[in-house]
N, C-alpha and C. Protein backbone atom coordinates (compact mmCIF):
# COMPACT_ATOMS: atom_id res chain seq x y z
N MET A 1 -4.76 -49.91 -37.57
CA MET A 1 -4.55 -50.27 -38.88
C MET A 1 -3.09 -50.17 -39.23
N PHE A 2 -2.61 -51.12 -40.15
CA PHE A 2 -1.32 -50.87 -40.55
C PHE A 2 -1.20 -49.75 -41.56
N GLN A 3 -0.01 -49.17 -41.42
CA GLN A 3 0.20 -47.89 -42.28
C GLN A 3 1.26 -48.21 -43.31
N ALA A 4 1.14 -47.81 -44.54
CA ALA A 4 2.27 -48.05 -45.42
C ALA A 4 3.16 -46.74 -45.66
N LEU A 5 4.39 -46.88 -45.23
CA LEU A 5 5.39 -45.76 -45.03
C LEU A 5 6.45 -45.91 -46.08
N THR A 6 6.96 -44.80 -46.55
CA THR A 6 8.04 -44.75 -47.43
C THR A 6 9.42 -43.85 -46.72
N LEU A 7 10.45 -44.17 -47.11
CA LEU A 7 11.69 -43.21 -46.68
C LEU A 7 11.62 -41.93 -46.94
N ASN A 8 10.85 -41.42 -48.02
CA ASN A 8 11.03 -40.06 -48.56
C ASN A 8 9.92 -39.18 -47.99
N SER A 9 9.03 -39.85 -47.00
CA SER A 9 7.86 -39.03 -46.47
C SER A 9 8.33 -38.26 -45.12
N TYR A 10 8.30 -37.20 -45.20
CA TYR A 10 8.54 -36.35 -43.88
C TYR A 10 7.77 -36.76 -42.74
N ALA A 11 6.42 -36.97 -43.05
CA ALA A 11 5.45 -37.15 -42.02
C ALA A 11 5.68 -38.61 -41.38
N ASP A 12 6.24 -39.53 -42.06
CA ASP A 12 6.41 -40.75 -41.70
C ASP A 12 7.62 -41.05 -40.78
N GLN A 13 8.55 -39.92 -40.60
CA GLN A 13 9.84 -40.20 -40.00
C GLN A 13 9.81 -40.74 -38.57
N LYS A 14 8.77 -40.33 -37.75
CA LYS A 14 8.88 -40.81 -36.40
C LYS A 14 8.49 -42.32 -36.48
N SER A 15 7.61 -42.64 -37.18
CA SER A 15 7.16 -44.05 -37.30
C SER A 15 8.18 -44.98 -37.84
N LEU A 16 8.97 -44.59 -38.98
CA LEU A 16 9.96 -45.16 -39.25
C LEU A 16 11.13 -45.37 -38.34
N SER A 17 11.53 -44.32 -37.73
CA SER A 17 12.56 -44.47 -36.73
C SER A 17 12.13 -45.73 -35.54
N ALA A 18 10.97 -45.46 -35.23
CA ALA A 18 10.42 -46.57 -34.22
C ALA A 18 10.38 -47.77 -34.66
N MET A 19 10.23 -48.12 -36.03
CA MET A 19 10.06 -49.30 -36.75
C MET A 19 11.64 -49.90 -36.71
N PHE A 20 12.63 -49.03 -37.18
CA PHE A 20 14.06 -49.55 -37.34
C PHE A 20 14.66 -50.02 -35.87
N LYS A 21 14.09 -49.28 -34.86
CA LYS A 21 14.53 -49.61 -33.43
C LYS A 21 13.76 -51.04 -33.03
N PHE A 22 12.49 -51.07 -33.59
CA PHE A 22 11.72 -52.22 -33.30
C PHE A 22 12.42 -53.50 -33.96
N ARG A 23 12.83 -53.33 -35.33
CA ARG A 23 13.33 -54.50 -35.81
C ARG A 23 14.84 -54.91 -35.21
N GLN A 24 15.51 -54.08 -34.68
CA GLN A 24 16.70 -54.40 -33.85
C GLN A 24 16.28 -55.19 -32.51
N GLU A 25 15.33 -54.61 -31.99
CA GLU A 25 14.77 -55.41 -30.84
C GLU A 25 14.44 -56.81 -31.15
N ILE A 26 13.68 -57.11 -32.41
CA ILE A 26 13.25 -58.37 -32.56
C ILE A 26 14.46 -59.22 -33.12
N PHE A 27 15.03 -58.72 -34.19
CA PHE A 27 15.97 -59.77 -34.87
C PHE A 27 17.36 -59.80 -34.35
N VAL A 28 17.78 -58.81 -34.04
CA VAL A 28 19.25 -58.80 -33.20
C VAL A 28 19.16 -58.94 -31.87
N ASP A 29 18.40 -58.26 -30.90
CA ASP A 29 18.48 -58.40 -29.48
C ASP A 29 17.86 -59.64 -29.14
N ARG A 30 16.63 -60.14 -29.67
CA ARG A 30 15.84 -61.32 -29.25
C ARG A 30 16.20 -62.41 -30.03
N LEU A 31 16.33 -62.43 -31.33
CA LEU A 31 16.76 -63.71 -32.11
C LEU A 31 18.10 -63.86 -32.35
N GLY A 32 18.89 -63.04 -32.03
CA GLY A 32 20.49 -62.99 -32.19
C GLY A 32 21.00 -62.88 -33.71
N TRP A 33 20.35 -62.54 -34.56
CA TRP A 33 20.61 -62.39 -35.86
C TRP A 33 21.72 -61.42 -36.00
N GLU A 34 22.90 -61.77 -36.89
CA GLU A 34 24.03 -61.07 -36.96
C GLU A 34 23.70 -59.94 -38.18
N LEU A 35 23.10 -58.75 -37.75
CA LEU A 35 22.70 -57.81 -38.73
C LEU A 35 23.50 -56.48 -38.48
N ASN A 36 23.53 -55.60 -39.32
CA ASN A 36 24.23 -54.24 -39.21
C ASN A 36 23.18 -53.24 -38.41
N THR A 37 23.77 -52.76 -37.23
CA THR A 37 22.91 -51.71 -36.46
C THR A 37 23.67 -50.66 -36.26
N ASP A 38 22.92 -49.61 -35.80
CA ASP A 38 23.64 -48.20 -35.42
C ASP A 38 22.59 -47.61 -34.41
N ASP A 39 22.83 -46.36 -34.11
CA ASP A 39 22.10 -45.75 -33.19
C ASP A 39 20.60 -45.57 -33.55
N GLU A 40 20.36 -45.65 -35.07
CA GLU A 40 18.88 -45.59 -35.58
C GLU A 40 18.19 -46.95 -35.43
N GLY A 41 18.89 -48.13 -35.33
CA GLY A 41 18.36 -49.47 -35.27
C GLY A 41 18.92 -50.34 -36.14
N GLU A 42 18.14 -51.23 -36.80
CA GLU A 42 18.60 -52.17 -37.68
C GLU A 42 18.18 -51.82 -39.10
N LYS A 43 19.22 -51.61 -40.05
CA LYS A 43 19.03 -51.17 -41.41
C LYS A 43 20.01 -52.09 -42.22
N ASP A 44 19.55 -52.24 -43.63
CA ASP A 44 20.39 -52.90 -44.62
C ASP A 44 20.44 -52.06 -45.82
N GLN A 45 20.93 -52.81 -46.84
CA GLN A 45 21.08 -52.13 -48.21
C GLN A 45 19.62 -52.10 -48.88
N PHE A 46 18.69 -52.85 -48.45
CA PHE A 46 17.32 -53.02 -49.06
C PHE A 46 16.41 -52.15 -48.33
N ASP A 47 16.88 -51.22 -47.52
CA ASP A 47 15.89 -50.11 -47.07
C ASP A 47 16.22 -49.05 -47.88
N HIS A 48 15.83 -49.00 -49.04
CA HIS A 48 16.01 -48.03 -49.98
C HIS A 48 14.77 -47.35 -50.52
N ASP A 49 14.82 -46.49 -51.36
CA ASP A 49 13.58 -45.59 -51.60
C ASP A 49 12.47 -46.22 -52.24
N ALA A 50 12.70 -47.43 -52.91
CA ALA A 50 11.74 -48.09 -53.63
C ALA A 50 11.04 -48.98 -52.52
N ALA A 51 11.50 -49.20 -51.34
CA ALA A 51 10.93 -50.01 -50.32
C ALA A 51 9.60 -49.47 -49.82
N ILE A 52 8.59 -50.31 -49.35
CA ILE A 52 7.33 -49.87 -48.61
C ILE A 52 7.30 -50.60 -47.39
N PHE A 53 7.21 -49.89 -46.34
CA PHE A 53 7.13 -50.53 -44.86
C PHE A 53 5.66 -50.39 -44.43
N LEU A 54 5.29 -51.65 -43.99
CA LEU A 54 3.95 -51.90 -43.35
C LEU A 54 4.09 -52.00 -41.88
N VAL A 55 3.54 -50.92 -41.25
CA VAL A 55 3.86 -50.75 -39.89
C VAL A 55 2.43 -50.64 -38.97
N LEU A 56 2.37 -51.28 -38.06
CA LEU A 56 1.26 -51.32 -37.08
C LEU A 56 1.68 -50.85 -35.59
N GLU A 57 1.08 -49.70 -35.06
CA GLU A 57 1.73 -49.09 -33.95
C GLU A 57 0.41 -49.20 -32.92
N ASN A 58 0.77 -49.27 -31.63
CA ASN A 58 -0.18 -49.29 -30.68
C ASN A 58 -0.57 -47.69 -30.36
N ARG A 59 -1.52 -47.60 -29.35
CA ARG A 59 -1.92 -46.32 -29.10
C ARG A 59 -0.76 -45.42 -28.40
N ARG A 60 0.11 -46.11 -27.94
CA ARG A 60 1.44 -45.25 -27.44
C ARG A 60 2.38 -44.70 -28.51
N GLY A 61 2.17 -45.26 -29.75
CA GLY A 61 3.23 -45.05 -30.77
C GLY A 61 4.14 -45.93 -30.88
N GLN A 62 4.08 -47.20 -30.11
CA GLN A 62 4.99 -48.19 -30.18
C GLN A 62 4.78 -49.25 -31.30
N VAL A 63 5.71 -49.44 -32.21
CA VAL A 63 5.56 -50.49 -33.23
C VAL A 63 5.49 -51.77 -32.62
N VAL A 64 4.37 -52.55 -33.27
CA VAL A 64 4.08 -53.97 -32.67
C VAL A 64 4.18 -55.20 -33.72
N ALA A 65 4.28 -54.54 -35.00
CA ALA A 65 4.34 -55.50 -36.09
C ALA A 65 4.75 -54.77 -37.41
N SER A 66 5.61 -55.43 -38.20
CA SER A 66 6.08 -54.63 -39.34
C SER A 66 6.46 -55.71 -40.29
N ALA A 67 6.43 -55.26 -41.75
CA ALA A 67 7.05 -55.74 -42.63
C ALA A 67 7.58 -54.86 -43.66
N ARG A 68 8.48 -55.34 -44.49
CA ARG A 68 9.21 -54.52 -45.74
C ARG A 68 8.65 -55.15 -47.01
N MET A 69 8.32 -54.40 -47.82
CA MET A 69 7.81 -54.84 -49.16
C MET A 69 9.00 -54.13 -50.15
N LEU A 70 9.42 -55.15 -51.09
CA LEU A 70 10.36 -54.68 -52.05
C LEU A 70 9.95 -55.03 -53.36
N PRO A 71 9.73 -54.03 -54.37
CA PRO A 71 9.48 -54.35 -55.74
C PRO A 71 10.63 -55.00 -56.39
N THR A 72 10.47 -56.28 -57.03
CA THR A 72 11.61 -56.88 -57.49
C THR A 72 12.33 -56.17 -58.74
N TYR A 73 11.74 -55.21 -59.41
CA TYR A 73 12.71 -54.45 -60.33
C TYR A 73 13.92 -53.67 -59.50
N ALA A 74 13.81 -53.48 -58.22
CA ALA A 74 14.76 -52.84 -57.40
C ALA A 74 15.58 -53.89 -56.85
N PRO A 75 16.71 -53.49 -56.05
CA PRO A 75 17.42 -54.63 -55.28
C PRO A 75 16.55 -55.35 -54.38
N SER A 76 16.69 -56.44 -54.18
CA SER A 76 15.83 -57.50 -53.25
C SER A 76 16.68 -58.62 -52.86
N LEU A 77 16.28 -59.16 -51.65
CA LEU A 77 17.10 -60.32 -51.02
C LEU A 77 17.19 -61.45 -51.91
N LEU A 78 16.24 -61.84 -52.52
CA LEU A 78 16.31 -62.93 -53.30
C LEU A 78 17.17 -62.80 -54.53
N ALA A 79 16.95 -61.71 -55.23
CA ALA A 79 17.83 -61.53 -56.45
C ALA A 79 19.14 -61.24 -56.14
N ASP A 80 19.55 -60.46 -55.19
CA ASP A 80 20.95 -59.96 -54.95
C ASP A 80 21.60 -60.83 -53.81
N VAL A 81 21.12 -61.63 -53.09
CA VAL A 81 21.62 -62.42 -52.08
C VAL A 81 21.46 -63.83 -52.31
N PHE A 82 20.22 -64.16 -52.50
CA PHE A 82 20.05 -65.57 -52.56
C PHE A 82 19.56 -66.10 -53.92
N PRO A 83 19.97 -65.73 -54.92
CA PRO A 83 19.53 -66.19 -56.42
C PRO A 83 19.41 -67.61 -56.48
N ALA A 84 20.35 -68.28 -56.02
CA ALA A 84 20.17 -69.72 -55.97
C ALA A 84 18.92 -70.49 -55.57
N LEU A 85 18.19 -69.69 -54.57
CA LEU A 85 16.83 -70.15 -54.12
C LEU A 85 15.86 -69.98 -55.34
N ALA A 86 16.11 -69.46 -56.37
CA ALA A 86 15.15 -69.40 -57.40
C ALA A 86 15.78 -70.03 -58.71
N ASN A 87 16.85 -70.98 -58.45
CA ASN A 87 17.57 -71.59 -59.55
C ASN A 87 18.31 -70.63 -60.35
N GLY A 88 18.77 -69.65 -59.75
CA GLY A 88 19.49 -68.50 -60.54
C GLY A 88 18.91 -67.61 -61.47
N ASN A 89 17.33 -67.53 -61.21
CA ASN A 89 16.63 -66.93 -62.17
C ASN A 89 15.44 -66.20 -61.34
N PRO A 90 15.79 -65.35 -60.25
CA PRO A 90 14.89 -64.65 -59.39
C PRO A 90 14.07 -63.66 -60.41
N PRO A 91 12.65 -63.46 -59.99
CA PRO A 91 11.90 -62.56 -60.73
C PRO A 91 12.45 -61.06 -60.67
N ARG A 92 12.33 -60.24 -61.76
CA ARG A 92 12.49 -59.10 -61.67
C ARG A 92 11.42 -58.27 -62.49
N ASP A 93 10.18 -58.03 -61.83
CA ASP A 93 9.11 -57.80 -62.45
C ASP A 93 8.42 -56.79 -61.52
N PRO A 94 7.76 -55.63 -62.25
CA PRO A 94 7.16 -54.61 -61.37
C PRO A 94 5.73 -55.20 -60.84
N ARG A 95 5.32 -56.45 -61.11
CA ARG A 95 4.07 -56.96 -60.46
C ARG A 95 4.49 -58.14 -59.54
N VAL A 96 5.60 -58.12 -59.29
CA VAL A 96 6.16 -59.16 -58.29
C VAL A 96 6.80 -58.43 -57.02
N TRP A 97 6.36 -58.57 -55.75
CA TRP A 97 7.04 -57.82 -54.77
C TRP A 97 7.40 -58.92 -53.70
N GLU A 98 8.65 -58.52 -53.01
CA GLU A 98 9.15 -59.39 -52.11
C GLU A 98 9.05 -59.03 -50.65
N VAL A 99 8.55 -60.00 -49.84
CA VAL A 99 8.28 -59.77 -48.35
C VAL A 99 9.44 -60.06 -47.62
N THR A 100 9.89 -59.05 -46.82
CA THR A 100 11.20 -59.18 -45.90
C THR A 100 10.71 -58.51 -44.52
N ARG A 101 11.68 -58.95 -43.64
CA ARG A 101 11.65 -58.47 -42.28
C ARG A 101 10.29 -58.35 -41.47
N LEU A 102 9.64 -59.57 -41.57
CA LEU A 102 8.28 -59.74 -41.00
C LEU A 102 8.61 -59.74 -39.52
N ALA A 103 7.91 -59.14 -38.72
CA ALA A 103 8.12 -59.17 -37.35
C ALA A 103 6.82 -58.68 -36.42
N VAL A 104 6.53 -59.34 -35.45
CA VAL A 104 5.61 -59.33 -34.40
C VAL A 104 5.86 -59.33 -32.98
N ASP A 105 5.74 -58.15 -32.29
CA ASP A 105 6.22 -57.85 -30.85
C ASP A 105 5.60 -59.27 -30.22
N HIS A 106 6.37 -59.68 -29.21
CA HIS A 106 6.07 -60.74 -28.18
C HIS A 106 5.51 -60.14 -26.93
N ARG A 107 5.81 -58.86 -26.53
CA ARG A 107 5.46 -58.20 -25.50
C ARG A 107 3.78 -58.01 -25.29
N LYS A 108 3.19 -58.64 -24.47
CA LYS A 108 1.82 -58.60 -24.19
C LYS A 108 1.25 -57.16 -23.91
N ASP A 109 1.82 -56.46 -23.13
CA ASP A 109 1.51 -55.11 -22.75
C ASP A 109 1.41 -54.14 -23.95
N ARG A 110 2.36 -54.38 -24.95
CA ARG A 110 2.30 -53.57 -26.16
C ARG A 110 1.17 -54.05 -26.85
N LEU A 111 1.10 -55.40 -27.11
CA LEU A 111 0.07 -55.85 -28.15
C LEU A 111 -1.33 -55.64 -27.68
N ASN A 112 -1.44 -55.71 -26.39
CA ASN A 112 -2.79 -55.28 -25.84
C ASN A 112 -3.39 -53.70 -25.87
N ASP A 113 -2.51 -52.97 -26.45
CA ASP A 113 -2.76 -51.60 -26.58
C ASP A 113 -2.99 -51.25 -27.91
N VAL A 114 -3.40 -52.10 -28.77
CA VAL A 114 -3.71 -51.71 -30.30
C VAL A 114 -5.17 -51.53 -30.51
N ALA A 115 -5.45 -50.58 -31.13
CA ALA A 115 -6.89 -50.17 -31.36
C ALA A 115 -7.34 -51.12 -32.39
N GLY A 116 -8.59 -51.57 -32.06
CA GLY A 116 -9.14 -52.45 -33.07
C GLY A 116 -8.79 -53.85 -33.23
N LEU A 117 -7.63 -54.19 -32.66
CA LEU A 117 -7.19 -55.61 -32.82
C LEU A 117 -6.69 -56.27 -31.43
N SER A 118 -7.07 -57.44 -31.20
CA SER A 118 -6.65 -58.00 -29.90
C SER A 118 -5.29 -58.59 -30.24
N ALA A 119 -4.47 -58.85 -29.01
CA ALA A 119 -3.20 -59.50 -29.19
C ALA A 119 -3.02 -60.58 -29.99
N LYS A 120 -4.03 -61.51 -29.88
CA LYS A 120 -4.06 -62.89 -30.66
C LYS A 120 -4.33 -62.63 -32.10
N GLU A 121 -5.02 -61.51 -32.41
CA GLU A 121 -5.26 -61.26 -33.89
C GLU A 121 -4.18 -60.69 -34.59
N ILE A 122 -3.15 -60.08 -33.97
CA ILE A 122 -2.17 -59.45 -34.69
C ILE A 122 -1.28 -60.17 -35.67
N PRO A 123 -0.82 -61.34 -35.17
CA PRO A 123 -0.10 -61.98 -36.23
C PRO A 123 -0.79 -62.44 -37.57
N GLY A 124 -2.16 -62.87 -37.48
CA GLY A 124 -2.98 -63.09 -38.67
C GLY A 124 -3.21 -61.74 -39.30
N ALA A 125 -3.48 -60.60 -38.59
CA ALA A 125 -3.64 -59.32 -39.35
C ALA A 125 -2.42 -59.06 -40.26
N LEU A 126 -1.16 -59.41 -39.82
CA LEU A 126 0.07 -59.08 -40.64
C LEU A 126 -0.02 -59.95 -41.87
N TRP A 127 -0.39 -61.26 -41.73
CA TRP A 127 -0.55 -62.14 -42.99
C TRP A 127 -1.55 -61.37 -43.92
N CYS A 128 -2.77 -61.14 -43.30
CA CYS A 128 -3.71 -60.36 -44.25
C CYS A 128 -3.27 -59.04 -44.76
N CYS A 129 -2.58 -58.35 -44.02
CA CYS A 129 -2.01 -57.07 -44.47
C CYS A 129 -1.20 -57.36 -45.75
N LEU A 130 -0.24 -58.14 -45.74
CA LEU A 130 0.63 -58.40 -46.98
C LEU A 130 -0.22 -58.72 -48.16
N MET A 131 -1.36 -59.39 -48.08
CA MET A 131 -2.23 -59.87 -49.34
C MET A 131 -2.86 -58.50 -49.79
N GLU A 132 -3.50 -57.84 -48.76
CA GLU A 132 -4.15 -56.52 -49.01
C GLU A 132 -3.17 -55.49 -49.82
N PHE A 133 -1.87 -55.53 -49.29
CA PHE A 133 -0.99 -54.72 -49.96
C PHE A 133 -0.71 -55.03 -51.42
N GLY A 134 -0.43 -56.46 -51.67
CA GLY A 134 -0.26 -57.03 -52.95
C GLY A 134 -1.42 -56.53 -53.87
N MET A 135 -2.67 -56.64 -53.43
CA MET A 135 -3.77 -56.26 -54.18
C MET A 135 -3.83 -54.71 -54.45
N ALA A 136 -3.41 -53.97 -53.44
CA ALA A 136 -3.62 -52.54 -53.71
C ALA A 136 -2.49 -52.20 -54.81
N VAL A 137 -1.34 -52.54 -54.85
CA VAL A 137 -0.49 -52.15 -55.87
C VAL A 137 -0.54 -52.94 -57.10
N GLY A 138 -1.59 -53.80 -57.38
CA GLY A 138 -1.66 -54.63 -58.57
C GLY A 138 -0.62 -55.77 -58.66
N ALA A 139 -0.08 -56.34 -57.53
CA ALA A 139 0.81 -57.43 -57.65
C ALA A 139 0.29 -58.56 -58.32
N ARG A 140 0.99 -59.24 -58.96
CA ARG A 140 0.56 -60.71 -59.36
C ARG A 140 0.99 -61.84 -58.29
N ASN A 141 2.24 -61.53 -57.69
CA ASN A 141 2.78 -62.54 -56.87
C ASN A 141 3.56 -61.96 -55.79
N LEU A 142 3.68 -62.53 -54.62
CA LEU A 142 4.38 -62.04 -53.47
C LEU A 142 5.44 -63.03 -53.30
N ILE A 143 6.62 -62.75 -53.13
CA ILE A 143 7.95 -63.76 -52.91
C ILE A 143 8.53 -63.50 -51.65
N SER A 144 9.21 -64.58 -51.31
CA SER A 144 10.00 -64.46 -49.92
C SER A 144 11.13 -65.30 -49.86
N VAL A 145 12.03 -65.11 -48.95
CA VAL A 145 13.16 -65.98 -48.52
C VAL A 145 12.61 -66.26 -47.17
N SER A 146 12.60 -67.61 -46.88
CA SER A 146 12.03 -68.07 -45.60
C SER A 146 12.86 -69.21 -45.03
N ASP A 147 13.11 -69.17 -43.49
CA ASP A 147 13.34 -70.31 -42.80
C ASP A 147 12.39 -71.33 -43.08
N ARG A 148 12.69 -72.63 -43.19
CA ARG A 148 11.68 -73.68 -43.45
C ARG A 148 10.66 -73.89 -42.51
N ARG A 149 11.13 -73.57 -41.24
CA ARG A 149 10.08 -73.52 -40.02
C ARG A 149 9.02 -72.54 -40.27
N ILE A 150 9.40 -71.22 -40.85
CA ILE A 150 8.41 -70.25 -41.01
C ILE A 150 7.54 -70.63 -42.23
N GLU A 151 8.02 -71.41 -43.21
CA GLU A 151 7.31 -71.79 -44.36
C GLU A 151 6.11 -72.74 -43.70
N ILE A 152 6.37 -73.46 -42.90
CA ILE A 152 5.26 -74.46 -42.24
C ILE A 152 4.16 -73.53 -41.61
N ILE A 153 4.59 -72.50 -40.82
CA ILE A 153 3.72 -71.55 -40.18
C ILE A 153 2.83 -70.70 -41.28
N MET A 154 3.39 -70.44 -42.26
CA MET A 154 2.77 -69.50 -43.41
C MET A 154 1.73 -70.51 -43.96
N LYS A 155 1.88 -71.80 -44.15
CA LYS A 155 1.09 -72.72 -44.85
C LYS A 155 -0.27 -72.77 -43.94
N ARG A 156 0.09 -72.99 -42.47
CA ARG A 156 -0.84 -73.03 -41.52
C ARG A 156 -1.92 -71.81 -41.54
N ALA A 157 -1.31 -70.78 -41.86
CA ALA A 157 -1.75 -69.42 -41.77
C ALA A 157 -2.89 -69.39 -43.08
N GLY A 158 -2.51 -70.11 -43.98
CA GLY A 158 -3.44 -70.10 -45.36
C GLY A 158 -2.73 -69.70 -46.51
N TRP A 159 -1.37 -69.43 -46.38
CA TRP A 159 -0.67 -69.09 -47.67
C TRP A 159 -0.42 -70.37 -48.65
N ASN A 160 -0.79 -70.11 -49.90
CA ASN A 160 -0.74 -71.25 -50.94
C ASN A 160 0.80 -70.85 -51.62
N LEU A 161 1.73 -71.51 -50.98
CA LEU A 161 3.12 -71.20 -51.40
C LEU A 161 3.42 -72.37 -52.40
N GLN A 162 4.43 -71.77 -53.41
CA GLN A 162 5.22 -72.51 -54.22
C GLN A 162 6.76 -72.29 -54.03
N ARG A 163 7.53 -73.28 -54.10
CA ARG A 163 8.93 -73.01 -53.94
C ARG A 163 9.54 -72.73 -55.11
N LEU A 164 10.36 -71.81 -55.27
CA LEU A 164 11.01 -71.39 -56.41
C LEU A 164 12.13 -72.06 -56.87
N GLY A 165 12.81 -72.82 -55.97
CA GLY A 165 14.05 -73.73 -56.14
C GLY A 165 14.34 -74.46 -55.09
N PRO A 166 15.51 -74.89 -54.78
CA PRO A 166 15.97 -75.90 -53.71
C PRO A 166 16.06 -75.33 -52.38
N VAL A 167 16.06 -76.12 -51.45
CA VAL A 167 16.34 -75.90 -49.90
C VAL A 167 17.85 -75.73 -49.73
N LEU A 168 18.23 -74.62 -49.21
CA LEU A 168 19.69 -74.23 -48.93
C LEU A 168 20.08 -74.29 -47.54
N ASP A 169 21.17 -74.61 -47.11
CA ASP A 169 21.74 -74.38 -45.89
C ASP A 169 22.15 -72.90 -45.66
N ASP A 170 21.79 -72.17 -44.42
CA ASP A 170 22.08 -70.85 -44.21
C ASP A 170 22.72 -71.12 -42.72
N VAL A 171 23.34 -69.95 -42.31
CA VAL A 171 23.76 -69.80 -40.89
C VAL A 171 22.72 -69.98 -39.87
N SER A 172 21.49 -69.68 -40.20
CA SER A 172 20.24 -69.67 -39.50
C SER A 172 19.48 -70.90 -39.55
N GLY A 173 19.84 -71.70 -40.45
CA GLY A 173 19.11 -72.98 -40.88
C GLY A 173 18.82 -73.26 -42.13
N LYS A 174 17.95 -74.15 -42.59
CA LYS A 174 17.42 -74.37 -43.85
C LYS A 174 16.54 -73.26 -44.37
N ILE A 175 16.85 -72.83 -45.65
CA ILE A 175 15.95 -71.67 -46.06
C ILE A 175 15.47 -72.00 -47.36
N VAL A 176 14.21 -71.36 -47.83
CA VAL A 176 13.78 -71.83 -49.13
C VAL A 176 13.28 -70.28 -49.63
N GLY A 177 13.13 -70.31 -51.08
CA GLY A 177 12.60 -69.18 -51.71
C GLY A 177 11.15 -69.59 -52.17
N GLU A 178 10.17 -68.73 -51.90
CA GLU A 178 8.62 -69.05 -52.01
C GLU A 178 8.00 -67.95 -52.98
N CYS A 179 6.80 -68.48 -53.58
CA CYS A 179 5.97 -67.51 -54.33
C CYS A 179 4.47 -67.83 -53.91
N SER A 180 3.85 -66.84 -53.89
CA SER A 180 2.37 -66.93 -53.65
C SER A 180 1.58 -66.09 -54.50
N LYS A 181 0.61 -66.44 -55.03
CA LYS A 181 -0.41 -65.67 -56.04
C LYS A 181 -1.11 -64.78 -55.20
N VAL A 182 -1.39 -63.53 -55.80
CA VAL A 182 -2.19 -62.45 -55.17
C VAL A 182 -3.58 -62.35 -55.76
N SER A 183 -4.55 -62.64 -54.94
CA SER A 183 -5.96 -62.59 -55.41
C SER A 183 -6.94 -62.40 -54.49
N THR A 184 -8.15 -62.12 -54.86
CA THR A 184 -9.24 -61.93 -53.69
C THR A 184 -9.48 -63.07 -53.02
N ALA A 185 -9.46 -64.27 -53.56
CA ALA A 185 -9.66 -65.57 -53.12
C ALA A 185 -8.77 -65.91 -52.06
N ALA A 186 -7.37 -65.56 -52.28
CA ALA A 186 -6.18 -65.79 -51.59
C ALA A 186 -6.60 -65.00 -50.18
N LEU A 187 -6.91 -63.73 -50.49
CA LEU A 187 -7.14 -62.71 -49.30
C LEU A 187 -8.30 -63.46 -48.42
N GLN A 188 -9.36 -63.79 -49.03
CA GLN A 188 -10.43 -64.27 -48.27
C GLN A 188 -10.05 -65.54 -47.42
N ASN A 189 -9.18 -66.44 -47.99
CA ASN A 189 -8.82 -67.58 -47.52
C ASN A 189 -7.98 -67.22 -46.06
N LEU A 190 -7.18 -66.24 -46.27
CA LEU A 190 -6.30 -65.79 -45.19
C LEU A 190 -7.24 -65.27 -44.09
N GLN A 191 -8.11 -64.49 -44.49
CA GLN A 191 -9.11 -63.84 -43.47
C GLN A 191 -9.74 -64.72 -42.68
N GLN A 192 -10.40 -65.75 -43.48
CA GLN A 192 -10.94 -67.01 -42.64
C GLN A 192 -10.35 -67.64 -41.89
N ARG A 193 -8.98 -68.14 -42.31
CA ARG A 193 -7.98 -69.08 -41.49
C ARG A 193 -7.57 -68.04 -40.27
N CYS A 194 -7.23 -66.76 -40.45
CA CYS A 194 -6.75 -66.09 -39.48
C CYS A 194 -7.85 -65.51 -38.59
N ARG A 195 -9.31 -65.44 -38.87
CA ARG A 195 -10.24 -64.92 -38.13
C ARG A 195 -10.20 -63.49 -38.14
N ILE A 196 -9.80 -62.79 -39.17
CA ILE A 196 -9.92 -61.51 -39.59
C ILE A 196 -11.02 -61.06 -40.21
N SER A 197 -11.82 -60.26 -39.70
CA SER A 197 -13.18 -59.89 -40.32
C SER A 197 -13.23 -58.76 -41.35
N GLY A 198 -12.15 -57.86 -41.36
CA GLY A 198 -12.21 -56.89 -42.43
C GLY A 198 -10.86 -56.32 -42.73
N PRO A 199 -10.67 -55.16 -43.55
CA PRO A 199 -9.41 -54.70 -43.94
C PRO A 199 -8.55 -54.33 -42.85
N VAL A 200 -7.14 -54.51 -42.86
CA VAL A 200 -6.32 -54.09 -41.76
C VAL A 200 -5.46 -53.29 -42.30
N LEU A 201 -5.28 -52.90 -43.46
CA LEU A 201 -4.19 -51.80 -44.07
C LEU A 201 -4.96 -50.54 -44.47
N ASP A 202 -4.55 -49.65 -44.06
CA ASP A 202 -5.01 -48.14 -44.44
C ASP A 202 -4.52 -47.79 -45.78
N GLN A 203 -5.32 -47.89 -46.78
CA GLN A 203 -4.96 -47.74 -48.23
C GLN A 203 -5.27 -46.14 -48.76
N SER A 204 -5.64 -45.38 -47.90
CA SER A 204 -5.96 -43.91 -48.25
C SER A 204 -4.91 -43.43 -48.96
N TRP A 205 -3.54 -43.45 -48.35
CA TRP A 205 -2.36 -42.91 -49.07
C TRP A 205 -1.82 -43.92 -50.07
N LEU A 206 -1.96 -45.18 -49.84
CA LEU A 206 -1.32 -46.24 -50.71
C LEU A 206 -1.99 -46.20 -52.15
N MET A 207 -3.24 -46.11 -52.13
CA MET A 207 -4.12 -46.29 -53.37
C MET A 207 -3.66 -44.94 -54.22
N GLY A 208 -3.53 -43.78 -53.56
CA GLY A 208 -3.20 -42.73 -54.45
C GLY A 208 -1.88 -42.56 -54.96
N ASP A 209 -0.90 -42.85 -54.12
CA ASP A 209 0.63 -42.76 -54.50
C ASP A 209 1.26 -43.85 -55.12
N ILE A 210 0.77 -45.01 -54.85
CA ILE A 210 1.78 -46.20 -55.25
C ILE A 210 1.03 -46.78 -56.35
N ALA A 211 -0.27 -47.20 -56.22
CA ALA A 211 -1.03 -47.97 -57.04
C ALA A 211 -1.61 -47.27 -58.39
N ALA A 212 -1.48 -45.97 -58.40
CA ALA A 212 -2.05 -45.11 -59.58
C ALA A 212 -1.31 -45.36 -60.63
């Protein structure tokens, strides 16, 4: 299952370290994004104490999927870098969370070693995990900054997206700001479309420490 991790938890440090290196492998080494990296992997100014990291590891402790969730009352990508994607009025609301740094490994040997999920189920499980997280923390909406090609994939996966503003040109292509409602119906739709039969996010720590 996906784990919800924070920077200030000593017990999470090994998994967090693996996640930052995984992000470098995916975004920098594979996709060629020009991002800041160091010996610890890929990090930026939004890897702050308010961020929650959703991480899926295989049996060998290798990260195979991850996402970063940012509460919009704290620094976030849409508000601090791309406010024009929300017509200059990005949300800053404790019940709105931003989804960033979505990544799934492409190496089958790693994906095939995940307990309880097949390799082909993992991308869909990540989509469902985002909605499960939103419900667990009492979010009203999830927002994101996406390449327009990713927007198409999200719609196919079952996301009900609304654009927050115009399409803009970026060095990586055309990007958009999007918003999706968090609800039980939305989660059920994702589960049906992605063929995920049950929960994929371990909420034992999450429910007690974040959503209380």
